[in-house]
């Protein structure tokens, strides 16, 4: 993917896979995809283990690779949505005792819009 993106004119400075993932999502959105669409495409186009948490002016999204070996936990209330790699990173948040605390499913895109209720779309296996 790094070579493909570079051939398409995407500037990638390092050999770091995280930079490639960020460059890929940015490129897809520059090509007209929404963040959710870019994340769905990542499930098809990227090979490896990843969890992306990405924010835009419209909201933010979360996606984990199909194997989901990277740790991830979410907390959701009416006031906030929080993300961490483990529960103890969220334990001191206000109202955490009443929050919905959960682990994002593999190969599933979750998106929270500033204007809409949270949504998720599970990819077919």
N, C-alpha and C. Protein backbone atom coordinates (compact mmCIF):
# COMPACT_ATOMS: atom_id res chain seq x y z
N UNK A 1 0.83 -1.20 0.00
CA UNK A 1 0.00 0.00 0.00
C UNK A 1 0.87 1.25 0.00
N UNK A 2 1.99 1.19 0.71
CA UNK A 2 2.89 2.34 0.74
C UNK A 2 3.34 2.68 -0.69
N UNK A 3 3.76 1.67 -1.44
CA UNK A 3 4.21 1.90 -2.82
C UNK A 3 3.07 2.41 -3.69
N UNK A 4 1.89 1.85 -3.52
CA UNK A 4 0.73 2.28 -4.32
C UNK A 4 0.41 3.74 -4.04
N UNK A 5 0.38 4.12 -2.78
CA UNK A 5 0.08 5.51 -2.43
C UNK A 5 1.14 6.46 -2.97
N UNK A 6 2.39 6.07 -2.87
CA UNK A 6 3.46 6.92 -3.41
C UNK A 6 3.32 7.09 -4.92
N UNK A 7 2.95 6.00 -5.62
CA UNK A 7 2.73 6.10 -7.08
C UNK A 7 1.58 7.05 -7.40
N UNK A 8 0.62 7.14 -6.51
CA UNK A 8 -0.51 8.05 -6.69
C UNK A 8 -0.19 9.48 -6.28
N UNK A 9 1.04 9.71 -5.83
CA UNK A 9 1.47 11.06 -5.47
C UNK A 9 1.28 11.42 -4.02
N UNK A 10 0.93 10.45 -3.18
CA UNK A 10 0.75 10.70 -1.75
C UNK A 10 2.13 10.73 -1.10
N UNK A 11 2.42 11.81 -0.37
CA UNK A 11 3.70 11.96 0.29
C UNK A 11 3.71 11.18 1.60
N UNK A 12 4.63 10.24 1.71
CA UNK A 12 4.82 9.45 2.93
C UNK A 12 6.28 9.59 3.32
N UNK A 13 6.53 10.10 4.52
CA UNK A 13 7.89 10.42 4.94
C UNK A 13 8.65 9.25 5.55
N UNK A 14 7.96 8.32 6.19
CA UNK A 14 8.64 7.28 6.95
C UNK A 14 8.28 5.90 6.40
N UNK A 15 8.81 4.88 7.02
CA UNK A 15 8.46 3.50 6.71
C UNK A 15 7.48 2.95 7.76
N UNK A 16 6.89 3.84 8.54
CA UNK A 16 5.98 3.48 9.61
C UNK A 16 4.60 3.12 9.05
N UNK A 17 4.09 1.95 9.42
CA UNK A 17 2.78 1.52 8.94
C UNK A 17 1.65 2.43 9.41
N UNK A 18 1.79 3.06 10.57
CA UNK A 18 0.76 3.97 11.06
C UNK A 18 0.62 5.16 10.12
N UNK A 19 1.74 5.66 9.63
CA UNK A 19 1.68 6.76 8.68
C UNK A 19 1.00 6.32 7.39
N UNK A 20 1.24 5.11 6.95
CA UNK A 20 0.59 4.60 5.75
C UNK A 20 -0.93 4.53 5.96
N UNK A 21 -1.36 4.04 7.12
CA UNK A 21 -2.79 3.98 7.40
C UNK A 21 -3.42 5.36 7.39
N UNK A 22 -2.78 6.33 8.02
CA UNK A 22 -3.29 7.70 8.03
C UNK A 22 -3.30 8.29 6.62
N UNK A 23 -2.24 8.04 5.86
CA UNK A 23 -2.17 8.54 4.48
C UNK A 23 -3.26 7.90 3.62
N UNK A 24 -3.51 6.62 3.83
CA UNK A 24 -4.55 5.92 3.08
C UNK A 24 -5.92 6.54 3.34
N UNK A 25 -6.28 6.72 4.62
CA UNK A 25 -7.58 7.30 4.96
C UNK A 25 -7.70 8.73 4.42
N UNK A 26 -6.65 9.50 4.54
CA UNK A 26 -6.65 10.87 4.02
C UNK A 26 -6.85 10.87 2.51
N UNK A 27 -6.12 10.01 1.82
CA UNK A 27 -6.23 9.91 0.36
C UNK A 27 -7.65 9.54 -0.06
N UNK A 28 -8.24 8.55 0.62
CA UNK A 28 -9.62 8.13 0.27
C UNK A 28 -10.60 9.29 0.46
N UNK A 29 -10.43 10.06 1.53
CA UNK A 29 -11.34 11.20 1.76
C UNK A 29 -11.08 12.32 0.75
N UNK A 30 -9.82 12.52 0.37
CA UNK A 30 -9.54 13.52 -0.67
C UNK A 30 -10.14 13.11 -2.01
N UNK A 31 -10.32 11.81 -2.22
CA UNK A 31 -10.94 11.30 -3.44
C UNK A 31 -12.46 11.34 -3.37
N UNK A 32 -13.02 11.83 -2.26
CA UNK A 32 -14.45 12.03 -2.16
C UNK A 32 -15.19 11.11 -1.21
N UNK A 33 -14.50 10.16 -0.61
CA UNK A 33 -15.15 9.25 0.34
C UNK A 33 -15.42 9.97 1.66
N UNK A 34 -16.47 9.57 2.34
CA UNK A 34 -16.69 10.03 3.70
C UNK A 34 -15.71 9.28 4.60
N UNK A 35 -15.58 9.71 5.83
CA UNK A 35 -14.72 8.98 6.76
C UNK A 35 -15.19 7.54 6.90
N UNK A 36 -16.49 7.33 7.04
CA UNK A 36 -17.02 5.97 7.16
C UNK A 36 -16.70 5.12 5.94
N UNK A 37 -16.84 5.68 4.76
CA UNK A 37 -16.52 4.95 3.54
C UNK A 37 -15.02 4.64 3.46
N UNK A 38 -14.19 5.59 3.86
CA UNK A 38 -12.74 5.35 3.85
C UNK A 38 -12.37 4.23 4.81
N UNK A 39 -13.02 4.20 5.97
CA UNK A 39 -12.74 3.15 6.95
C UNK A 39 -13.23 1.79 6.43
N UNK A 40 -14.37 1.76 5.77
CA UNK A 40 -14.85 0.51 5.19
C UNK A 40 -13.88 0.02 4.12
N UNK A 41 -13.36 0.92 3.30
CA UNK A 41 -12.39 0.55 2.27
C UNK A 41 -11.11 0.02 2.89
N UNK A 42 -10.73 0.58 4.03
CA UNK A 42 -9.51 0.12 4.71
C UNK A 42 -9.61 -1.36 5.05
N UNK A 43 -10.81 -1.81 5.40
CA UNK A 43 -10.99 -3.23 5.72
C UNK A 43 -10.69 -4.13 4.52
N UNK A 44 -10.92 -3.63 3.33
CA UNK A 44 -10.66 -4.40 2.12
C UNK A 44 -9.23 -4.20 1.61
N UNK A 45 -8.71 -2.98 1.73
CA UNK A 45 -7.45 -2.64 1.09
C UNK A 45 -6.21 -2.80 1.95
N UNK A 46 -6.34 -2.71 3.27
CA UNK A 46 -5.17 -2.76 4.14
C UNK A 46 -4.99 -4.15 4.71
N UNK A 47 -3.76 -4.60 4.73
CA UNK A 47 -3.43 -5.90 5.27
C UNK A 47 -2.62 -5.70 6.54
N UNK A 48 -3.08 -6.27 7.62
CA UNK A 48 -2.34 -6.12 8.87
C UNK A 48 -3.28 -5.90 10.03
N UNK A 49 -2.69 -5.60 11.17
CA UNK A 49 -3.44 -5.37 12.39
C UNK A 49 -3.53 -3.88 12.63
N UNK A 50 -4.74 -3.38 12.83
CA UNK A 50 -4.90 -1.95 13.07
C UNK A 50 -6.19 -1.68 13.82
N UNK A 51 -6.16 -0.59 14.53
CA UNK A 51 -7.36 0.04 15.09
C UNK A 51 -7.21 1.51 14.80
N UNK A 52 -8.16 2.07 14.06
CA UNK A 52 -8.13 3.49 13.73
C UNK A 52 -9.21 4.21 14.51
N UNK A 53 -8.85 5.31 15.13
CA UNK A 53 -9.78 6.24 15.74
C UNK A 53 -9.46 7.57 15.08
N UNK A 54 -10.41 8.06 14.27
CA UNK A 54 -10.14 9.23 13.45
C UNK A 54 -11.26 10.25 13.61
N UNK A 55 -10.87 11.50 13.80
CA UNK A 55 -11.84 12.57 13.91
C UNK A 55 -11.78 13.51 12.72
N UNK A 56 -12.94 14.02 12.33
CA UNK A 56 -13.05 15.05 11.31
C UNK A 56 -13.96 16.14 11.87
N UNK A 57 -14.18 17.17 11.08
CA UNK A 57 -15.07 18.24 11.53
C UNK A 57 -16.51 17.76 11.69
N UNK A 58 -16.87 16.66 11.04
CA UNK A 58 -18.23 16.14 11.09
C UNK A 58 -18.47 15.15 12.22
N UNK A 59 -17.42 14.55 12.76
CA UNK A 59 -17.57 13.55 13.80
C UNK A 59 -16.31 12.71 13.90
N UNK A 60 -16.46 11.48 14.40
CA UNK A 60 -15.30 10.61 14.42
C UNK A 60 -15.74 9.16 14.27
N UNK A 61 -14.76 8.35 13.84
CA UNK A 61 -15.05 6.95 13.60
C UNK A 61 -14.00 6.05 14.21
N UNK A 62 -14.39 4.79 14.38
CA UNK A 62 -13.53 3.75 14.92
C UNK A 62 -13.68 2.52 14.03
N UNK A 63 -12.58 1.89 13.71
CA UNK A 63 -12.61 0.62 12.98
C UNK A 63 -11.43 -0.23 13.44
N UNK A 64 -11.69 -1.53 13.58
CA UNK A 64 -10.64 -2.49 13.91
C UNK A 64 -10.51 -3.47 12.75
N UNK A 65 -9.31 -3.98 12.54
CA UNK A 65 -9.10 -4.96 11.49
C UNK A 65 -9.92 -6.22 11.77
N UNK A 66 -10.07 -7.11 10.78
CA UNK A 66 -10.90 -8.31 10.96
C UNK A 66 -10.46 -9.26 12.07
N UNK A 67 -9.20 -9.27 12.41
CA UNK A 67 -8.72 -10.16 13.48
C UNK A 67 -8.82 -9.48 14.84
N UNK A 68 -8.70 -8.18 14.88
CA UNK A 68 -8.85 -7.36 16.09
C UNK A 68 -7.93 -7.79 17.22
N UNK A 69 -6.65 -7.95 16.91
CA UNK A 69 -5.72 -8.36 17.98
C UNK A 69 -5.22 -7.16 18.79
N UNK A 70 -5.40 -5.94 18.27
CA UNK A 70 -5.01 -4.75 19.04
C UNK A 70 -6.10 -4.47 20.07
N UNK A 71 -5.73 -4.20 21.32
CA UNK A 71 -6.75 -3.95 22.35
C UNK A 71 -7.49 -2.63 22.11
N UNK A 72 -8.77 -2.64 22.44
CA UNK A 72 -9.59 -1.44 22.29
C UNK A 72 -10.80 -1.55 23.20
N UNK A 73 -11.15 -0.45 23.83
CA UNK A 73 -12.35 -0.40 24.66
C UNK A 73 -12.98 0.99 24.50
N UNK A 74 -14.30 1.03 24.47
CA UNK A 74 -15.04 2.27 24.30
C UNK A 74 -15.94 2.49 25.52
N UNK A 75 -16.20 3.75 25.81
CA UNK A 75 -17.18 4.12 26.82
C UNK A 75 -18.08 5.17 26.19
N UNK A 76 -19.38 5.00 26.36
CA UNK A 76 -20.34 5.90 25.72
C UNK A 76 -21.42 6.32 26.71
N UNK A 77 -21.64 7.63 26.79
CA UNK A 77 -22.74 8.19 27.58
C UNK A 77 -23.46 9.19 26.69
N UNK A 78 -24.47 9.85 27.23
CA UNK A 78 -25.15 10.91 26.48
C UNK A 78 -24.24 12.13 26.28
N UNK A 79 -23.21 12.27 27.12
CA UNK A 79 -22.31 13.42 27.05
C UNK A 79 -21.03 13.17 26.26
N UNK A 80 -20.57 11.93 26.16
CA UNK A 80 -19.29 11.69 25.50
C UNK A 80 -19.17 10.26 24.99
N UNK A 81 -18.20 10.10 24.10
CA UNK A 81 -17.72 8.79 23.68
C UNK A 81 -16.22 8.83 23.88
N UNK A 82 -15.68 7.82 24.56
CA UNK A 82 -14.25 7.79 24.85
C UNK A 82 -13.67 6.46 24.34
N UNK A 83 -12.39 6.51 24.04
CA UNK A 83 -11.69 5.35 23.51
C UNK A 83 -10.39 5.16 24.27
N UNK A 84 -10.03 3.92 24.54
CA UNK A 84 -8.75 3.61 25.16
C UNK A 84 -8.31 2.22 24.77
N UNK A 85 -7.08 1.90 25.09
CA UNK A 85 -6.58 0.56 24.79
C UNK A 85 -6.92 -0.42 25.90
N UNK A 86 -7.32 0.10 27.05
CA UNK A 86 -7.73 -0.77 28.15
C UNK A 86 -8.68 0.00 29.07
N UNK A 87 -9.48 -0.74 29.81
CA UNK A 87 -10.50 -0.14 30.65
C UNK A 87 -9.94 0.86 31.64
N UNK A 88 -8.81 0.56 32.24
CA UNK A 88 -8.31 1.47 33.28
C UNK A 88 -7.97 2.86 32.74
N UNK A 89 -7.81 2.98 31.42
CA UNK A 89 -7.59 4.31 30.83
C UNK A 89 -8.86 5.15 30.89
N UNK A 90 -10.02 4.50 31.06
CA UNK A 90 -11.31 5.20 31.08
C UNK A 90 -11.92 5.32 32.47
N UNK A 91 -11.38 4.62 33.43
CA UNK A 91 -12.02 4.46 34.73
C UNK A 91 -12.28 5.77 35.48
N UNK A 92 -11.51 6.82 35.24
CA UNK A 92 -11.71 8.08 35.96
C UNK A 92 -12.56 9.09 35.21
N UNK A 93 -13.17 8.68 34.11
CA UNK A 93 -14.04 9.60 33.37
C UNK A 93 -15.30 9.88 34.17
N UNK A 94 -15.85 11.09 34.04
CA UNK A 94 -17.09 11.39 34.77
C UNK A 94 -18.24 10.51 34.27
N UNK A 95 -18.97 9.94 35.19
CA UNK A 95 -20.13 9.12 34.84
C UNK A 95 -19.80 7.77 34.27
N UNK A 96 -18.56 7.31 34.40
CA UNK A 96 -18.16 6.04 33.80
C UNK A 96 -18.96 4.87 34.38
N UNK A 97 -19.39 5.00 35.63
CA UNK A 97 -20.14 3.91 36.26
C UNK A 97 -21.49 3.67 35.58
N UNK A 98 -22.00 4.66 34.85
CA UNK A 98 -23.27 4.51 34.14
C UNK A 98 -23.08 4.42 32.62
N UNK A 99 -21.83 4.47 32.18
CA UNK A 99 -21.54 4.44 30.75
C UNK A 99 -21.72 3.03 30.18
N UNK A 100 -22.01 2.98 28.91
CA UNK A 100 -21.95 1.72 28.18
C UNK A 100 -20.48 1.50 27.84
N UNK A 101 -19.88 0.48 28.41
CA UNK A 101 -18.46 0.19 28.18
C UNK A 101 -18.40 -1.10 27.36
N UNK A 102 -17.68 -1.06 26.25
CA UNK A 102 -17.69 -2.19 25.33
C UNK A 102 -16.45 -2.22 24.46
N UNK A 103 -16.21 -3.34 23.87
CA UNK A 103 -15.08 -3.53 22.96
C UNK A 103 -15.61 -3.50 21.53
N UNK A 104 -15.08 -2.62 20.67
CA UNK A 104 -15.55 -2.57 19.29
C UNK A 104 -15.33 -3.92 18.58
N UNK A 105 -16.32 -4.33 17.81
CA UNK A 105 -16.24 -5.59 17.10
C UNK A 105 -15.22 -5.52 15.96
N UNK A 106 -14.61 -6.65 15.63
CA UNK A 106 -13.69 -6.68 14.48
C UNK A 106 -14.43 -6.37 13.18
N UNK A 107 -13.73 -5.76 12.24
CA UNK A 107 -14.24 -5.48 10.89
C UNK A 107 -15.57 -4.74 10.92
N UNK A 108 -15.73 -3.86 11.89
CA UNK A 108 -16.95 -3.07 12.02
C UNK A 108 -16.57 -1.60 12.10
N UNK A 109 -17.24 -0.80 11.30
CA UNK A 109 -17.02 0.65 11.32
C UNK A 109 -18.08 1.29 12.21
N UNK A 110 -17.62 2.09 13.16
CA UNK A 110 -18.51 2.86 14.04
C UNK A 110 -18.27 4.33 13.73
N UNK A 111 -19.34 5.10 13.65
CA UNK A 111 -19.19 6.52 13.37
C UNK A 111 -20.16 7.33 14.21
N UNK A 112 -19.66 8.38 14.81
CA UNK A 112 -20.46 9.31 15.58
C UNK A 112 -20.41 10.66 14.88
N UNK A 113 -21.56 11.13 14.47
CA UNK A 113 -21.67 12.42 13.80
C UNK A 113 -22.03 13.48 14.83
N UNK A 114 -21.61 14.70 14.59
CA UNK A 114 -21.99 15.79 15.48
C UNK A 114 -23.49 16.08 15.39
N UNK A 115 -24.10 15.62 14.30
CA UNK A 115 -25.50 15.95 14.05
C UNK A 115 -26.45 14.76 14.17
N UNK A 116 -25.92 13.56 14.35
CA UNK A 116 -26.77 12.37 14.34
C UNK A 116 -26.42 11.44 15.49
N UNK A 117 -27.28 10.45 15.70
CA UNK A 117 -27.01 9.40 16.69
C UNK A 117 -25.89 8.50 16.18
N UNK A 118 -25.19 7.79 17.08
CA UNK A 118 -24.13 6.89 16.65
C UNK A 118 -24.66 5.79 15.76
N UNK A 119 -23.81 5.37 14.81
CA UNK A 119 -24.17 4.28 13.91
C UNK A 119 -23.02 3.31 13.82
N UNK A 120 -23.33 2.12 13.42
CA UNK A 120 -22.28 1.15 13.09
C UNK A 120 -22.73 0.34 11.92
N UNK A 121 -21.79 -0.11 11.13
CA UNK A 121 -22.09 -0.96 9.99
C UNK A 121 -21.13 -2.12 10.05
N UNK A 122 -21.63 -3.31 10.20
CA UNK A 122 -20.77 -4.46 10.27
C UNK A 122 -20.50 -4.96 8.86
N UNK A 123 -19.25 -5.22 8.58
CA UNK A 123 -18.86 -5.76 7.28
C UNK A 123 -19.14 -7.25 7.26
N UNK A 124 -19.59 -7.73 6.12
CA UNK A 124 -19.81 -9.17 5.96
C UNK A 124 -18.47 -9.89 5.95
N UNK A 125 -18.45 -11.06 6.57
CA UNK A 125 -17.20 -11.83 6.61
C UNK A 125 -16.94 -12.51 5.30
